């Protein structure tokens, strides 16, 4: 989807909510940093984080970028 089409559609959706695109973006960025429940965020982070068992696997950037 071309960026102009995307922005036009986003502006229409924002207008339907009575807001601007900038307002929607700034409010969504502000939401996680507004000093809410840090303990809940930490618990969610720990729940979603891996268990640390990689079975010896290590990330190799060169392997990821190798063309097949």
PDB file of N, CA and C in Angstrom:
ATOM      1  N   UNK A   1       0.850  -1.169   0.000  1.00  0.00           N
ATOM      2  CA  UNK A   1       0.000   0.000   0.000  1.00  0.00           C
ATOM      3  C   UNK A   1       0.898   1.234   0.000  1.00  0.00           C
ATOM      4  N   UNK A   2       0.694   2.124  -0.943  1.00  0.00           N
ATOM      5  CA  UNK A   2       1.491   3.362  -0.979  1.00  0.00           C
ATOM      6  C   UNK A   2       1.254   4.201   0.277  1.00  0.00           C
ATOM      7  N   UNK A   3       2.266   4.928   0.692  1.00  0.00           N
ATOM      8  CA  UNK A   3       2.205   5.689   1.935  1.00  0.00           C
ATOM      9  C   UNK A   3       1.097   6.741   1.898  1.00  0.00           C
ATOM     10  N   UNK A   4       0.870   7.350   0.735  1.00  0.00           N
ATOM     11  CA  UNK A   4      -0.185   8.375   0.641  1.00  0.00           C
ATOM     12  C   UNK A   4      -1.556   7.773   0.913  1.00  0.00           C
ATOM     13  N   UNK A   5      -1.788   6.594   0.370  1.00  0.00           N
ATOM     14  CA  UNK A   5      -3.070   5.919   0.591  1.00  0.00           C
ATOM     15  C   UNK A   5      -3.215   5.562   2.064  1.00  0.00           C
ATOM     16  N   UNK A   6      -2.148   5.067   2.642  1.00  0.00           N
ATOM     17  CA  UNK A   6      -2.151   4.705   4.060  1.00  0.00           C
ATOM     18  C   UNK A   6      -2.441   5.925   4.942  1.00  0.00           C
ATOM     19  N   UNK A   7      -1.760   7.034   4.652  1.00  0.00           N
ATOM     20  CA  UNK A   7      -1.955   8.241   5.450  1.00  0.00           C
ATOM     21  C   UNK A   7      -3.369   8.797   5.290  1.00  0.00           C
ATOM     22  N   UNK A   8      -3.902   8.743   4.076  1.00  0.00           N
ATOM     23  CA  UNK A   8      -5.263   9.222   3.848  1.00  0.00           C
ATOM     24  C   UNK A   8      -6.270   8.380   4.641  1.00  0.00           C
ATOM     25  N   UNK A   9      -6.109   7.065   4.596  1.00  0.00           N
ATOM     26  CA  UNK A   9      -6.999   6.171   5.336  1.00  0.00           C
ATOM     27  C   UNK A   9      -6.854   6.381   6.844  1.00  0.00           C
ATOM     28  N   UNK A  10      -5.626   6.579   7.293  1.00  0.00           N
ATOM     29  CA  UNK A  10      -5.387   6.822   8.721  1.00  0.00           C
ATOM     30  C   UNK A  10      -6.012   8.130   9.170  1.00  0.00           C
ATOM     31  N   UNK A  11      -5.910   9.150   8.342  1.00  0.00           N
ATOM     32  CA  UNK A  11      -6.507  10.442   8.678  1.00  0.00           C
ATOM     33  C   UNK A  11      -8.024  10.330   8.766  1.00  0.00           C
ATOM     34  N   UNK A  12      -8.633   9.545   7.871  1.00  0.00           N
ATOM     35  CA  UNK A  12     -10.084   9.350   7.918  1.00  0.00           C
ATOM     36  C   UNK A  12     -10.502   8.645   9.207  1.00  0.00           C
ATOM     37  N   UNK A  13      -9.755   7.617   9.589  1.00  0.00           N
ATOM     38  CA  UNK A  13     -10.084   6.881  10.810  1.00  0.00           C
ATOM     39  C   UNK A  13      -9.905   7.763  12.041  1.00  0.00           C
ATOM     40  N   UNK A  14      -8.836   8.552  12.047  1.00  0.00           N
ATOM     41  CA  UNK A  14      -8.598   9.462  13.168  1.00  0.00           C
ATOM     42  C   UNK A  14      -9.713  10.504  13.244  1.00  0.00           C
ATOM     43  N   UNK A  15     -10.125  11.046  12.092  1.00  0.00           N
ATOM     44  CA  UNK A  15     -11.198  12.045  12.065  1.00  0.00           C
ATOM     45  C   UNK A  15     -12.502  11.443  12.571  1.00  0.00           C
ATOM     46  N   UNK A  16     -12.757  10.192  12.239  1.00  0.00           N
ATOM     47  CA  UNK A  16     -13.970   9.526  12.721  1.00  0.00           C
ATOM     48  C   UNK A  16     -13.976   9.418  14.241  1.00  0.00           C
ATOM     49  N   UNK A  17     -12.780   9.366  14.829  1.00  0.00           N
ATOM     50  CA  UNK A  17     -12.661   9.329  16.289  1.00  0.00           C
ATOM     51  C   UNK A  17     -12.599  10.730  16.889  1.00  0.00           C
ATOM     52  N   UNK A  18     -12.604  11.741  16.015  1.00  0.00           N
ATOM     53  CA  UNK A  18     -12.528  13.119  16.485  1.00  0.00           C
ATOM     54  C   UNK A  18     -11.129  13.520  16.923  1.00  0.00           C
ATOM     55  N   UNK A  19     -10.124  12.880  16.350  1.00  0.00           N
ATOM     56  CA  UNK A  19      -8.736  13.153  16.728  1.00  0.00           C
ATOM     57  C   UNK A  19      -7.884  13.280  15.472  1.00  0.00           C
ATOM     58  N   UNK A  20      -6.657  13.752  15.655  1.00  0.00           N
ATOM     59  CA  UNK A  20      -5.708  13.806  14.548  1.00  0.00           C
ATOM     60  C   UNK A  20      -4.787  12.593  14.629  1.00  0.00           C
ATOM     61  N   UNK A  21      -4.103  12.332  13.527  1.00  0.00           N
ATOM     62  CA  UNK A  21      -3.130  11.231  13.530  1.00  0.00           C
ATOM     63  C   UNK A  21      -2.063  11.498  14.584  1.00  0.00           C
ATOM     64  N   UNK A  22      -1.595  12.737  14.662  1.00  0.00           N
ATOM     65  CA  UNK A  22      -0.562  13.081  15.649  1.00  0.00           C
ATOM     66  C   UNK A  22      -1.041  12.810  17.065  1.00  0.00           C
ATOM     67  N   UNK A  23      -2.290  13.130  17.361  1.00  0.00           N
ATOM     68  CA  UNK A  23      -2.822  12.906  18.707  1.00  0.00           C
ATOM     69  C   UNK A  23      -2.880  11.412  19.016  1.00  0.00           C
ATOM     70  N   UNK A  24      -3.337  10.609  18.069  1.00  0.00           N
ATOM     71  CA  UNK A  24      -3.404   9.165  18.287  1.00  0.00           C
ATOM     72  C   UNK A  24      -2.020   8.568  18.523  1.00  0.00           C
ATOM     73  N   UNK A  25      -1.043   9.018  17.739  1.00  0.00           N
ATOM     74  CA  UNK A  25       0.318   8.498  17.896  1.00  0.00           C
ATOM     75  C   UNK A  25       0.902   8.926  19.229  1.00  0.00           C
ATOM     76  N   UNK A  26       0.768  10.214  19.569  1.00  0.00           N
ATOM     77  CA  UNK A  26       1.373  10.689  20.823  1.00  0.00           C
ATOM     78  C   UNK A  26       0.703  10.055  22.035  1.00  0.00           C
ATOM     79  N   UNK A  27      -0.608   9.820  21.977  1.00  0.00           N
ATOM     80  CA  UNK A  27      -1.267   9.189  23.122  1.00  0.00           C
ATOM     81  C   UNK A  27      -0.864   7.732  23.253  1.00  0.00           C
ATOM     82  N   UNK A  28      -0.626   7.037  22.130  1.00  0.00           N
ATOM     83  CA  UNK A  28      -0.213   5.645  22.222  1.00  0.00           C
ATOM     84  C   UNK A  28       1.236   5.525  22.694  1.00  0.00           C
ATOM     85  N   UNK A  29       2.063   6.513  22.384  1.00  0.00           N
ATOM     86  CA  UNK A  29       3.452   6.506  22.846  1.00  0.00           C
ATOM     87  C   UNK A  29       3.500   6.858  24.325  1.00  0.00           C
ATOM     88  N   UNK A  30       2.671   7.766  24.726  1.00  0.00           N
ATOM     89  CA  UNK A  30       2.652   8.229  26.113  1.00  0.00           C
ATOM     90  C   UNK A  30       2.096   7.167  27.056  1.00  0.00           C
ATOM     91  N   UNK A  31       1.177   6.353  26.583  1.00  0.00           N
ATOM     92  CA  UNK A  31       0.481   5.391  27.436  1.00  0.00           C
ATOM     93  C   UNK A  31       1.421   4.495  28.251  1.00  0.00           C
ATOM     94  N   UNK A  32       2.435   3.839  27.621  1.00  0.00           N
ATOM     95  CA  UNK A  32       3.295   2.967  28.421  1.00  0.00           C
ATOM     96  C   UNK A  32       4.193   3.720  29.401  1.00  0.00           C
ATOM     97  N   UNK A  33       4.405   5.007  29.184  1.00  0.00           N
ATOM     98  CA  UNK A  33       5.338   5.732  30.043  1.00  0.00           C
ATOM     99  C   UNK A  33       4.631   6.684  31.006  1.00  0.00           C
ATOM    100  N   UNK A  34       3.353   6.492  31.220  1.00  0.00           N
ATOM    101  CA  UNK A  34       2.627   7.439  32.059  1.00  0.00           C
ATOM    102  C   UNK A  34       2.668   7.097  33.540  1.00  0.00           C
ATOM    103  N   UNK A  35       3.535   6.175  33.928  1.00  0.00           N
ATOM    104  CA  UNK A  35       3.706   5.872  35.345  1.00  0.00           C
ATOM    105  C   UNK A  35       2.663   4.922  35.889  1.00  0.00           C
ATOM    106  N   UNK A  36       2.130   4.080  35.055  1.00  0.00           N
ATOM    107  CA  UNK A  36       1.103   3.120  35.473  1.00  0.00           C
ATOM    108  C   UNK A  36       1.646   2.094  36.442  1.00  0.00           C
ATOM    109  N   UNK A  37       1.210   0.889  36.306  1.00  0.00           N
ATOM    110  CA  UNK A  37       1.542  -0.180  37.236  1.00  0.00           C
ATOM    111  C   UNK A  37       2.823  -0.891  36.799  1.00  0.00           C
ATOM    112  N   UNK A  38       3.945  -0.461  37.334  1.00  0.00           N
ATOM    113  CA  UNK A  38       5.240  -1.023  36.939  1.00  0.00           C
ATOM    114  C   UNK A  38       5.349  -2.499  37.295  1.00  0.00           C
ATOM    115  N   UNK A  39       4.798  -2.891  38.443  1.00  0.00           N
ATOM    116  CA  UNK A  39       4.876  -4.291  38.853  1.00  0.00           C
ATOM    117  C   UNK A  39       4.162  -5.188  37.848  1.00  0.00           C
ATOM    118  N   UNK A  40       3.037  -4.712  37.336  1.00  0.00           N
ATOM    119  CA  UNK A  40       2.294  -5.483  36.347  1.00  0.00           C
ATOM    120  C   UNK A  40       3.099  -5.608  35.059  1.00  0.00           C
ATOM    121  N   UNK A  41       3.759  -4.523  34.645  1.00  0.00           N
ATOM    122  CA  UNK A  41       4.580  -4.555  33.432  1.00  0.00           C
ATOM    123  C   UNK A  41       5.745  -5.520  33.593  1.00  0.00           C
ATOM    124  N   UNK A  42       6.366  -5.500  34.758  1.00  0.00           N
ATOM    125  CA  UNK A  42       7.497  -6.401  35.021  1.00  0.00           C
ATOM    126  C   UNK A  42       7.030  -7.846  34.990  1.00  0.00           C
ATOM    127  N   UNK A  43       5.896  -8.129  35.608  1.00  0.00           N
ATOM    128  CA  UNK A  43       5.360  -9.492  35.614  1.00  0.00           C
ATOM    129  C   UNK A  43       5.037  -9.952  34.198  1.00  0.00           C
ATOM    130  N   UNK A  44       4.460  -9.065  33.390  1.00  0.00           N
ATOM    131  CA  UNK A  44       4.141  -9.422  32.012  1.00  0.00           C
ATOM    132  C   UNK A  44       5.418  -9.663  31.210  1.00  0.00           C
ATOM    133  N   UNK A  45       6.422  -8.815  31.412  1.00  0.00           N
ATOM    134  CA  UNK A  45       7.699  -8.990  30.724  1.00  0.00           C
ATOM    135  C   UNK A  45       8.315 -10.343  31.068  1.00  0.00           C
ATOM    136  N   UNK A  46       8.319 -10.682  32.336  1.00  0.00           N
ATOM    137  CA  UNK A  46       8.894 -11.960  32.757  1.00  0.00           C
ATOM    138  C   UNK A  46       8.096 -13.135  32.206  1.00  0.00           C
ATOM    139  N   UNK A  47       6.775 -12.991  32.147  1.00  0.00           N
ATOM    140  CA  UNK A  47       5.926 -14.054  31.624  1.00  0.00           C
ATOM    141  C   UNK A  47       6.178 -14.264  30.134  1.00  0.00           C
ATOM    142  N   UNK A  48       6.370 -13.167  29.385  1.00  0.00           N
ATOM    143  CA  UNK A  48       6.559 -13.254  27.945  1.00  0.00           C
ATOM    144  C   UNK A  48       7.999 -13.552  27.543  1.00  0.00           C
ATOM    145  N   UNK A  49       8.942 -13.333  28.442  1.00  0.00           N
ATOM    146  CA  UNK A  49      10.351 -13.558  28.128  1.00  0.00           C
ATOM    147  C   UNK A  49      10.638 -15.047  28.024  1.00  0.00           C
ATOM    148  N   UNK A  50      11.658 -15.355  27.263  1.00  0.00           N
ATOM    149  CA  UNK A  50      12.070 -16.749  27.133  1.00  0.00           C
ATOM    150  C   UNK A  50      12.577 -17.283  28.457  1.00  0.00           C
ATOM    151  N   UNK A  51      12.630 -18.582  28.551  1.00  0.00           N
ATOM    152  CA  UNK A  51      13.061 -19.195  29.804  1.00  0.00           C
ATOM    153  C   UNK A  51      14.571 -19.260  29.922  1.00  0.00           C
ATOM    154  N   UNK A  52      15.289 -18.869  28.868  1.00  0.00           N
ATOM    155  CA  UNK A  52      16.744 -18.843  28.939  1.00  0.00           C
ATOM    156  C   UNK A  52      17.401 -20.146  28.517  1.00  0.00           C
ATOM    157  N   UNK A  53      16.619 -21.087  28.040  1.00  0.00           N
ATOM    158  CA  UNK A  53      17.179 -22.376  27.615  1.00  0.00           C
ATOM    159  C   UNK A  53      17.301 -22.383  26.096  1.00  0.00           C
ATOM    160  N   UNK A  54      18.494 -22.082  25.604  1.00  0.00           N
ATOM    161  CA  UNK A  54      18.702 -22.000  24.159  1.00  0.00           C
ATOM    162  C   UNK A  54      19.285 -23.284  23.581  1.00  0.00           C
ATOM    163  N   UNK A  55      19.529 -24.268  24.425  1.00  0.00           N
ATOM    164  CA  UNK A  55      20.136 -25.528  23.994  1.00  0.00           C
ATOM    165  C   UNK A  55      21.423 -25.305  23.224  1.00  0.00           C
ATOM    166  N   UNK A  56      22.191 -24.300  23.637  1.00  0.00           N
ATOM    167  CA  UNK A  56      23.480 -24.025  23.020  1.00  0.00           C
ATOM    168  C   UNK A  56      23.419 -23.169  21.770  1.00  0.00           C
ATOM    169  N   UNK A  57      22.204 -22.845  21.291  1.00  0.00           N
ATOM    170  CA  UNK A  57      22.073 -22.034  20.085  1.00  0.00           C
ATOM    171  C   UNK A  57      22.469 -20.601  20.374  1.00  0.00           C
ATOM    172  N   UNK A  58      23.225 -20.014  19.453  1.00  0.00           N
ATOM    173  CA  UNK A  58      23.613 -18.612  19.574  1.00  0.00           C
ATOM    174  C   UNK A  58      23.228 -17.885  18.301  1.00  0.00           C
ATOM    175  N   UNK A  59      22.832 -16.648  18.437  1.00  0.00           N
ATOM    176  CA  UNK A  59      22.472 -15.826  17.292  1.00  0.00           C
ATOM    177  C   UNK A  59      23.717 -15.542  16.472  1.00  0.00           C
ATOM    178  N   UNK A  60      23.625 -15.752  15.167  1.00  0.00           N
ATOM    179  CA  UNK A  60      24.747 -15.500  14.264  1.00  0.00           C
ATOM    180  C   UNK A  60      24.256 -14.581  13.150  1.00  0.00           C
ATOM    181  N   UNK A  61      24.629 -13.324  13.219  1.00  0.00           N
ATOM    182  CA  UNK A  61      24.175 -12.326  12.245  1.00  0.00           C
ATOM    183  C   UNK A  61      24.560 -12.712  10.821  1.00  0.00           C
ATOM    184  N   UNK A  62      25.759 -13.236  10.639  1.00  0.00           N
ATOM    185  CA  UNK A  62      26.199 -13.630   9.297  1.00  0.00           C
ATOM    186  C   UNK A  62      25.331 -14.749   8.734  1.00  0.00           C
ATOM    187  N   UNK A  63      24.948 -15.680   9.584  1.00  0.00           N
ATOM    188  CA  UNK A  63      24.096 -16.778   9.138  1.00  0.00           C
ATOM    189  C   UNK A  63      22.714 -16.248   8.739  1.00  0.00           C
ATOM    190  N   UNK A  64      22.209 -15.290   9.453  1.00  0.00           N
ATOM    191  CA  UNK A  64      20.903 -14.729   9.148  1.00  0.00           C
ATOM    192  C   UNK A  64      20.925 -14.023   7.797  1.00  0.00           C
ATOM    193  N   UNK A  65      22.014 -13.355   7.485  1.00  0.00           N
ATOM    194  CA  UNK A  65      22.094 -12.586   6.245  1.00  0.00           C
ATOM    195  C   UNK A  65      22.603 -13.387   5.057  1.00  0.00           C
ATOM    196  N   UNK A  66      22.938 -14.642   5.249  1.00  0.00           N
ATOM    197  CA  UNK A  66      23.407 -15.470   4.154  1.00  0.00           C
ATOM    198  C   UNK A  66      22.261 -15.749   3.201  1.00  0.00           C
ATOM    199  N   UNK A  67      22.504 -15.480   1.929  1.00  0.00           N
ATOM    200  CA  UNK A  67      21.474 -15.742   0.905  1.00  0.00           C
ATOM    201  C   UNK A  67      21.424 -17.225   0.612  1.00  0.00           C
ATOM    202  N   UNK A  68      20.229 -17.720   0.437  1.00  0.00           N
ATOM    203  CA  UNK A  68      20.079 -19.148   0.156  1.00  0.00           C
ATOM    204  C   UNK A  68      19.800 -19.363  -1.294  1.00  0.00           C
TER     205      UNK A  68
END
